[in-house]
C-alpha atoms as a PDB file:
ATOM      1  CA  MET A   1      -9.482 -26.341  69.991  1.00  0.00           C
ATOM      2  CA  CYS A   2     -10.378 -28.428  66.859  1.00  0.00           C
ATOM      3  CA  LYS A   3     -13.715 -29.124  67.202  1.00  0.00           C
ATOM      4  CA  GLU A   4     -13.316 -32.374  64.706  1.00  0.00           C
ATOM      5  CA  SER A   5     -13.347 -35.511  66.544  1.00  0.00           C
ATOM      6  CA  CYS A   6     -10.348 -38.033  66.285  1.00  0.00           C
ATOM      7  CA  ALA A   7     -12.916 -40.673  64.396  1.00  0.00           C
ATOM      8  CA  ASN A   8     -13.178 -37.973  61.415  1.00  0.00           C
ATOM      9  CA  HIS A   9      -9.853 -38.303  60.685  1.00  0.00           C
ATOM     10  CA  GLY A  10     -10.341 -42.100  59.998  1.00  0.00           C
ATOM     11  CA  HIS A  11      -9.332 -43.395  63.000  1.00  0.00           C
ATOM     12  CA  ALA A  12     -10.687 -46.112  65.301  1.00  0.00           C
ATOM     13  CA  GLU A  13     -13.398 -45.496  68.013  1.00  0.00           C
ATOM     14  CA  SER A  14     -12.735 -45.415  71.427  1.00  0.00           C
ATOM     15  CA  PRO A  15     -12.064 -48.743  73.333  1.00  0.00           C
ATOM     16  CA  VAL A  16     -14.602 -48.849  75.880  1.00  0.00           C
ATOM     17  CA  ARG A  17     -13.274 -47.600  79.516  1.00  0.00           C
ATOM     18  CA  ARG A  18     -13.376 -50.008  82.127  1.00  0.00           C
ATOM     19  CA  GLU A  19     -16.123 -48.846  85.128  1.00  0.00           C
ATOM     20  CA  THR A  20     -13.932 -51.213  87.495  1.00  0.00           C
ATOM     21  CA  ALA A  21     -10.370 -51.354  89.222  1.00  0.00           C
ATOM     22  CA  PRO A  22      -6.873 -51.806  86.141  1.00  0.00           C
ATOM     23  CA  SER A  23      -6.313 -54.905  85.255  1.00  0.00           C
ATOM     24  CA  SER A  24      -2.656 -56.433  86.829  1.00  0.00           C
ATOM     25  CA  PHE A  25      -1.454 -55.808  83.554  1.00  0.00           C
ATOM     26  CA  PHE A  26      -3.041 -52.765  82.394  1.00  0.00           C
ATOM     27  CA  ALA A  27      -1.840 -51.059  86.007  1.00  0.00           C
ATOM     28  CA  ALA A  28       1.632 -52.546  85.885  1.00  0.00           C
ATOM     29  CA  VAL A  29       2.099 -50.434  82.510  1.00  0.00           C
ATOM     30  CA  GLN A  30       0.000 -47.372  84.434  1.00  0.00           C
ATOM     31  CA  SER A  31       2.824 -47.470  87.125  1.00  0.00           C
ATOM     32  CA  ARG A  32       5.526 -48.268  84.791  1.00  0.00           C
ATOM     33  CA  ASP A  33       6.248 -51.467  86.062  1.00  0.00           C
ATOM     34  CA  PHE A  34       7.431 -53.053  82.324  1.00  0.00           C
ATOM     35  CA  GLU A  35       8.776 -56.414  84.279  1.00  0.00           C
ATOM     36  CA  GLY A  36       5.740 -56.792  86.167  1.00  0.00           C
ATOM     37  CA  ALA A  37       3.661 -55.864  82.597  1.00  0.00           C
ATOM     38  CA  LEU A  38       5.429 -58.929  81.124  1.00  0.00           C
ATOM     39  CA  LYS A  39       4.966 -61.472  83.686  1.00  0.00           C
ATOM     40  CA  SER A  40       1.005 -60.649  83.323  1.00  0.00           C
ATOM     41  CA  TRP A  41       1.050 -60.907  79.329  1.00  0.00           C
ATOM     42  CA  GLY A  42       3.227 -64.259  79.892  1.00  0.00           C
ATOM     43  CA  THR A  43       3.953 -65.854  76.542  1.00  0.00           C
ATOM     44  CA  SER A  44       1.368 -65.007  74.365  1.00  0.00           C
ATOM     45  CA  GLY A  45      -0.876 -62.578  75.920  1.00  0.00           C
ATOM     46  CA  GLU A  46      -3.485 -64.075  76.465  1.00  0.00           C
ATOM     47  CA  GLY A  47      -6.385 -62.906  78.721  1.00  0.00           C
ATOM     48  CA  VAL A  48      -5.065 -58.946  78.281  1.00  0.00           C
ATOM     49  CA  ASP A  49      -7.449 -56.669  77.644  1.00  0.00           C
ATOM     50  CA  LEU A  50      -5.510 -54.234  75.379  1.00  0.00           C
ATOM     51  CA  ALA A  51      -8.439 -52.513  74.356  1.00  0.00           C
ATOM     52  CA  GLU A  52      -8.521 -51.144  78.033  1.00  0.00           C
ATOM     53  CA  VAL A  53      -8.336 -47.628  78.738  1.00  0.00           C
ATOM     54  CA  ASP A  54      -7.512 -45.023  81.815  1.00  0.00           C
ATOM     55  CA  ALA A  55      -9.650 -42.296  82.200  1.00  0.00           C
ATOM     56  CA  LYS A  56      -8.251 -40.396  79.556  1.00  0.00           C
ATOM     57  CA  GLY A  57      -9.064 -42.548  77.065  1.00  0.00           C
ATOM     58  CA  GLU A  58      -5.109 -43.554  76.973  1.00  0.00           C
ATOM     59  CA  SER A  59      -4.899 -47.028  75.843  1.00  0.00           C
ATOM     60  CA  SER A  60      -1.244 -48.925  77.020  1.00  0.00           C
ATOM     61  CA  LEU A  61       0.392 -48.472  73.618  1.00  0.00           C
ATOM     62  CA  HIS A  62      -0.123 -44.381  74.867  1.00  0.00           C
ATOM     63  CA  LEU A  63       1.542 -45.292  78.200  1.00  0.00           C
ATOM     64  CA  LEU A  64       4.183 -46.951  76.619  1.00  0.00           C
ATOM     65  CA  ALA A  65       4.961 -43.756  74.244  1.00  0.00           C
ATOM     66  CA  ARG A  66       4.673 -41.705  77.119  1.00  0.00           C
ATOM     67  CA  SER A  67       7.547 -43.740  78.630  1.00  0.00           C
ATOM     68  CA  LYS A  68      10.825 -41.683  79.692  1.00  0.00           C
ATOM     69  CA  LYS A  69      12.411 -44.474  80.463  1.00  0.00           C
ATOM     70  CA  TYR A  70      12.579 -46.539  77.477  1.00  0.00           C
ATOM     71  CA  ASP A  71      14.947 -49.497  78.043  1.00  0.00           C
ATOM     72  CA  ASP A  72      15.433 -53.312  76.761  1.00  0.00           C
ATOM     73  CA  THR A  73      11.845 -54.321  78.922  1.00  0.00           C
ATOM     74  CA  CYS A  74      10.104 -51.389  77.767  1.00  0.00           C
ATOM     75  CA  ALA A  75      10.667 -52.084  74.422  1.00  0.00           C
ATOM     76  CA  ALA A  76       9.823 -56.154  74.177  1.00  0.00           C
ATOM     77  CA  LEU A  77       6.767 -55.182  75.922  1.00  0.00           C
ATOM     78  CA  PHE A  78       5.697 -52.663  73.331  1.00  0.00           C
ATOM     79  CA  ALA A  79       6.690 -54.963  70.264  1.00  0.00           C
ATOM     80  CA  LYS A  80       4.818 -57.923  71.899  1.00  0.00           C
ATOM     81  CA  VAL A  81       1.509 -54.815  72.658  1.00  0.00           C
ATOM     82  CA  LEU A  82       1.904 -53.948  69.191  1.00  0.00           C
ATOM     83  CA  ALA A  83       1.824 -57.176  67.395  1.00  0.00           C
ATOM     84  CA  ALA A  84      -1.366 -58.047  69.487  1.00  0.00           C
ATOM     85  CA  ALA A  85      -2.785 -54.458  68.974  1.00  0.00           C
ATOM     86  CA  SER A  86      -4.228 -54.335  65.733  1.00  0.00           C
ATOM     87  CA  GLU A  87      -7.610 -53.078  66.038  1.00  0.00           C
ATOM     88  CA  ILE A  88      -6.448 -50.214  68.569  1.00  0.00           C
ATOM     89  CA  LEU A  89      -3.427 -48.966  66.373  1.00  0.00           C
ATOM     90  CA  SER A  90      -5.143 -45.981  65.834  1.00  0.00           C
ATOM     91  CA  HIS A  91      -7.111 -45.383  68.820  1.00  0.00           C
ATOM     92  CA  CYS A  92      -7.008 -41.646  69.878  1.00  0.00           C
ATOM     93  CA  ASN A  93      -6.745 -40.516  73.473  1.00  0.00           C
ATOM     94  CA  ASP A  94      -9.219 -38.012  74.799  1.00  0.00           C
ATOM     95  CA  ALA A  95      -6.989 -35.353  73.048  1.00  0.00           C
ATOM     96  CA  GLY A  96      -7.811 -36.702  69.827  1.00  0.00           C
ATOM     97  CA  GLN A  97      -4.014 -38.017  69.579  1.00  0.00           C
ATOM     98  CA  SER A  98      -2.266 -41.733  68.709  1.00  0.00           C
ATOM     99  CA  PHE A  99       0.201 -43.430  70.329  1.00  0.00           C
ATOM    100  CA  LEU A 100       2.167 -42.057  67.609  1.00  0.00           C
ATOM    101  CA  HIS A 101       1.424 -38.231  68.671  1.00  0.00           C
ATOM    102  CA  CYS A 102       2.478 -39.232  72.393  1.00  0.00           C
ATOM    103  CA  ALA A 103       5.824 -40.968  71.128  1.00  0.00           C
ATOM    104  CA  ALA A 104       6.646 -37.704  69.196  1.00  0.00           C
ATOM    105  CA  GLY A 105       5.454 -35.244  71.994  1.00  0.00           C
ATOM    106  CA  ARG A 106       8.096 -37.461  74.176  1.00  0.00           C
ATOM    107  CA  LEU A 107      10.557 -37.126  71.357  1.00  0.00           C
ATOM    108  CA  ASN A 108      10.586 -40.969  72.078  1.00  0.00           C
ATOM    109  CA  CYS A 109      11.980 -41.491  68.059  1.00  0.00           C
ATOM    110  CA  ARG A 110      12.825 -45.010  69.456  1.00  0.00           C
ATOM    111  CA  ILE A 111       9.037 -46.231  69.423  1.00  0.00           C
ATOM    112  CA  LEU A 112       8.143 -44.263  66.462  1.00  0.00           C
ATOM    113  CA  ALA A 113      10.860 -45.913  64.520  1.00  0.00           C
ATOM    114  CA  GLN A 114       9.673 -49.797  66.409  1.00  0.00           C
ATOM    115  CA  ALA A 115       6.379 -49.275  65.279  1.00  0.00           C
ATOM    116  CA  VAL A 116       6.995 -48.056  61.685  1.00  0.00           C
ATOM    117  CA  SER A 117       8.887 -50.457  60.675  1.00  0.00           C
ATOM    118  CA  GLU A 118       7.130 -53.090  62.397  1.00  0.00           C
ATOM    119  CA  CYS A 119       4.037 -52.241  61.262  1.00  0.00           C
ATOM    120  CA  PRO A 120       4.507 -49.922  57.794  1.00  0.00           C
ATOM    121  CA  GLN A 121       0.479 -49.260  57.926  1.00  0.00           C
ATOM    122  CA  LEU A 122       1.099 -46.408  60.657  1.00  0.00           C
ATOM    123  CA  ALA A 123       2.674 -44.288  58.201  1.00  0.00           C
ATOM    124  CA  PRO A 124      -0.104 -41.996  57.375  1.00  0.00           C
ATOM    125  CA  LEU A 125      -0.989 -41.877  61.500  1.00  0.00           C
ATOM    126  CA  PHE A 126       1.882 -39.732  61.147  1.00  0.00           C
ATOM    127  CA  VAL A 127       0.444 -36.812  59.849  1.00  0.00           C
ATOM    128  CA  PRO A 128      -3.006 -36.706  60.001  1.00  0.00           C
ATOM    129  CA  TRP A 129      -3.642 -35.091  63.729  1.00  0.00           C
ATOM    130  CA  SER A 130      -6.275 -32.067  63.046  1.00  0.00           C
ATOM    131  CA  SER A 131      -3.950 -29.562  65.047  1.00  0.00           C
ATOM    132  CA  TRP A 132      -0.566 -28.604  65.956  1.00  0.00           C
ATOM    133  CA  VAL A 133      -0.329 -26.836  69.347  1.00  0.00           C
ATOM    134  CA  ILE A 134       2.290 -23.886  69.168  1.00  0.00           C
ATOM    135  CA  GLY A 135       3.270 -22.226  72.806  1.00  0.00           C
ATOM    136  CA  GLN A 136      -0.617 -21.076  73.556  1.00  0.00           C
ATOM    137  CA  ASN A 137      -2.027 -21.023  70.457  1.00  0.00           C
ATOM    138  CA  VAL A 138      -3.848 -23.446  68.942  1.00  0.00           C
ATOM    139  CA  ILE A 139      -3.446 -24.371  65.302  1.00  0.00           C
ATOM    140  CA  CYS A 140      -5.891 -26.447  63.232  1.00  0.00           C
ATOM    141  CA  SER A 141      -5.331 -27.724  59.697  1.00  0.00           C
ATOM    142  CA  ARG A 142      -8.144 -28.561  56.964  1.00  0.00           C
ATOM    143  CA  GLY A 143      -9.767 -25.568  57.536  1.00  0.00           C
ATOM    144  CA  ASP A 144     -10.873 -26.583  61.223  1.00  0.00           C
ATOM    145  CA  GLU A 145     -12.084 -23.960  63.272  1.00  0.00           C
ATOM    146  CA  TRP A 146      -9.655 -22.975  66.273  1.00  0.00           C
ATOM    147  CA  GLU A 147      -9.838 -20.432  69.539  1.00  0.00           C
ATOM    148  CA  GLU A 148      -6.830 -19.198  70.806  1.00  0.00           C
END
């Protein structure tokens, strides 16, 4: 595995993990209850902690990007979170992936297109992930050390 951290590639530091149960918003996103998450969001998102992450360091953006079902409700929720999440847009999970990597891994092109069209500053995040997994081998760019 690559030994460089996500922070070394210009990504944000990891948000602090909660020691308590997840908020109602985050729990709804985790369970793919996007209507419930929209209700928790309300009209302004006031009180929603977008820096909340799960045990794997995944934010609500990561969870939405991994969604198998990307319908209008998910798109509406993603738009609200994306617009309000400027401080965590480049946050990486424990595997070193931004939410864009998660979306690409799921071939979730709607998330990718929506993200870059609404936040063009995200375009550089499409490239810098320091490793690509091909089959069972991990190949690292930038001369990083690697293991099979």
